[in-house]
Amino acid sequence: MNKDFWKCLFCWLETASVDEIRHKQCVVRQMLGQTRDPDFKADIHRILRFMDEEILARAELAKVLRISVSMPR
């Protein structure tokens, strides 16, 4: 996958909702089962890893924000 693809992926990850990311993860996982090309499979695993990282980062941020809002001043 070329440099422009990765740029587009990162831009999309920043703007997509968690539900959109999860839906796209399912689509990408289906692609993983349909290919035999090891380079393409490696790219798919990398895409899935970035999607997982984005979801986890958002969950962590939400957790931190909940804690900071609930703390008395």
C-alpha atoms as a PDB file:
ATOM      1  CA  MET A   1       0.000   0.000   0.000  1.00  0.00           C
ATOM      2  CA  ASN A   2       1.348   3.391  -0.904  1.00  0.00           C
ATOM      3  CA  LYS A   3       2.012   6.434   1.218  1.00  0.00           C
ATOM      4  CA  ASP A   4      -1.215   8.166   0.161  1.00  0.00           C
ATOM      5  CA  PHE A   5      -3.281   5.204   1.309  1.00  0.00           C
ATOM      6  CA  TRP A   6      -1.776   5.375   4.797  1.00  0.00           C
ATOM      7  CA  LYS A   7      -2.341   9.140   4.953  1.00  0.00           C
ATOM      8  CA  CYS A   8      -5.988   8.649   4.003  1.00  0.00           C
ATOM      9  CA  LEU A   9      -6.371   5.871   6.558  1.00  0.00           C
ATOM     10  CA  PHE A  10      -5.000   8.033   9.380  1.00  0.00           C
ATOM     11  CA  CYS A  11      -7.213  10.973   8.378  1.00  0.00           C
ATOM     12  CA  TRP A  12     -10.233   8.686   8.304  1.00  0.00           C
ATOM     13  CA  LEU A  13      -9.365   7.170  11.684  1.00  0.00           C
ATOM     14  CA  GLU A  14      -9.262  10.636  13.225  1.00  0.00           C
ATOM     15  CA  THR A  15     -12.730  11.542  11.977  1.00  0.00           C
ATOM     16  CA  ALA A  16     -14.624   8.232  11.951  1.00  0.00           C
ATOM     17  CA  SER A  17     -16.897   7.239  14.797  1.00  0.00           C
ATOM     18  CA  VAL A  18     -16.082   4.158  16.854  1.00  0.00           C
ATOM     19  CA  ASP A  19     -19.027   2.374  15.239  1.00  0.00           C
ATOM     20  CA  GLU A  20     -17.683   3.200  11.774  1.00  0.00           C
ATOM     21  CA  ILE A  21     -14.250   1.897  12.732  1.00  0.00           C
ATOM     22  CA  ARG A  22     -15.703  -1.321  14.128  1.00  0.00           C
ATOM     23  CA  HIS A  23     -17.781  -1.839  10.983  1.00  0.00           C
ATOM     24  CA  LYS A  24     -14.737  -1.290   8.777  1.00  0.00           C
ATOM     25  CA  GLN A  25     -12.752  -3.726  10.959  1.00  0.00           C
ATOM     26  CA  CYS A  26     -15.265  -6.442  10.068  1.00  0.00           C
ATOM     27  CA  VAL A  27     -14.899  -5.660   6.377  1.00  0.00           C
ATOM     28  CA  VAL A  28     -11.105  -5.685   6.591  1.00  0.00           C
ATOM     29  CA  ARG A  29     -11.117  -8.980   8.522  1.00  0.00           C
ATOM     30  CA  GLN A  30     -13.180 -10.521   5.717  1.00  0.00           C
ATOM     31  CA  MET A  31     -10.527  -9.361   3.256  1.00  0.00           C
ATOM     32  CA  LEU A  32      -7.911 -11.085   5.379  1.00  0.00           C
ATOM     33  CA  GLY A  33      -9.650 -14.409   4.900  1.00  0.00           C
ATOM     34  CA  GLN A  34      -9.903 -13.909   1.148  1.00  0.00           C
ATOM     35  CA  THR A  35      -6.253 -13.229   0.335  1.00  0.00           C
ATOM     36  CA  ARG A  36      -3.182 -15.413   0.195  1.00  0.00           C
ATOM     37  CA  ASP A  37      -0.652 -12.667  -0.576  1.00  0.00           C
ATOM     38  CA  PRO A  38       1.642 -12.392   2.485  1.00  0.00           C
ATOM     39  CA  ASP A  39       2.446  -8.712   1.864  1.00  0.00           C
ATOM     40  CA  PHE A  40      -1.227  -7.823   1.576  1.00  0.00           C
ATOM     41  CA  LYS A  41      -1.985  -9.841   4.720  1.00  0.00           C
ATOM     42  CA  ALA A  42       0.726  -7.931   6.565  1.00  0.00           C
ATOM     43  CA  ASP A  43      -0.846  -4.642   5.458  1.00  0.00           C
ATOM     44  CA  ILE A  44      -4.274  -5.837   6.601  1.00  0.00           C
ATOM     45  CA  HIS A  45      -2.876  -6.782  10.014  1.00  0.00           C
ATOM     46  CA  ARG A  46      -1.272  -3.337  10.243  1.00  0.00           C
ATOM     47  CA  ILE A  47      -4.585  -1.644   9.346  1.00  0.00           C
ATOM     48  CA  LEU A  48      -6.401  -3.680  11.999  1.00  0.00           C
ATOM     49  CA  ARG A  49      -3.738  -2.802  14.572  1.00  0.00           C
ATOM     50  CA  PHE A  50      -4.145   0.927  13.847  1.00  0.00           C
ATOM     51  CA  MET A  51      -7.925   0.589  14.137  1.00  0.00           C
ATOM     52  CA  ASP A  52      -7.568  -1.202  17.487  1.00  0.00           C
ATOM     53  CA  GLU A  53      -5.144   1.446  18.722  1.00  0.00           C
ATOM     54  CA  GLU A  54      -7.570   4.233  17.790  1.00  0.00           C
ATOM     55  CA  ILE A  55     -10.476   2.563  19.584  1.00  0.00           C
ATOM     56  CA  LEU A  56      -8.349   1.955  22.685  1.00  0.00           C
ATOM     57  CA  ALA A  57      -7.002   5.507  22.670  1.00  0.00           C
ATOM     58  CA  ARG A  58     -10.516   6.899  22.526  1.00  0.00           C
ATOM     59  CA  ALA A  59     -11.645   4.637  25.355  1.00  0.00           C
ATOM     60  CA  GLU A  60      -8.688   5.736  27.484  1.00  0.00           C
ATOM     61  CA  LEU A  61      -9.399   9.394  26.731  1.00  0.00           C
ATOM     62  CA  ALA A  62     -13.054   8.959  27.657  1.00  0.00           C
ATOM     63  CA  LYS A  63     -12.012   7.289  30.903  1.00  0.00           C
ATOM     64  CA  VAL A  64      -9.615  10.118  31.778  1.00  0.00           C
ATOM     65  CA  LEU A  65     -12.241  12.733  30.975  1.00  0.00           C
ATOM     66  CA  ARG A  66     -14.831  10.957  33.148  1.00  0.00           C
ATOM     67  CA  ILE A  67     -12.399  10.816  36.049  1.00  0.00           C
ATOM     68  CA  SER A  68     -11.433  14.470  35.730  1.00  0.00           C
ATOM     69  CA  VAL A  69     -15.051  15.591  35.515  1.00  0.00           C
ATOM     70  CA  SER A  70     -16.094  13.541  38.536  1.00  0.00           C
ATOM     71  CA  MET A  71     -13.245  14.803  40.745  1.00  0.00           C
ATOM     72  CA  PRO A  72     -14.254  17.609  43.127  1.00  0.00           C
ATOM     73  CA  ARG A  73     -12.415  20.876  42.766  1.00  0.00           C
END
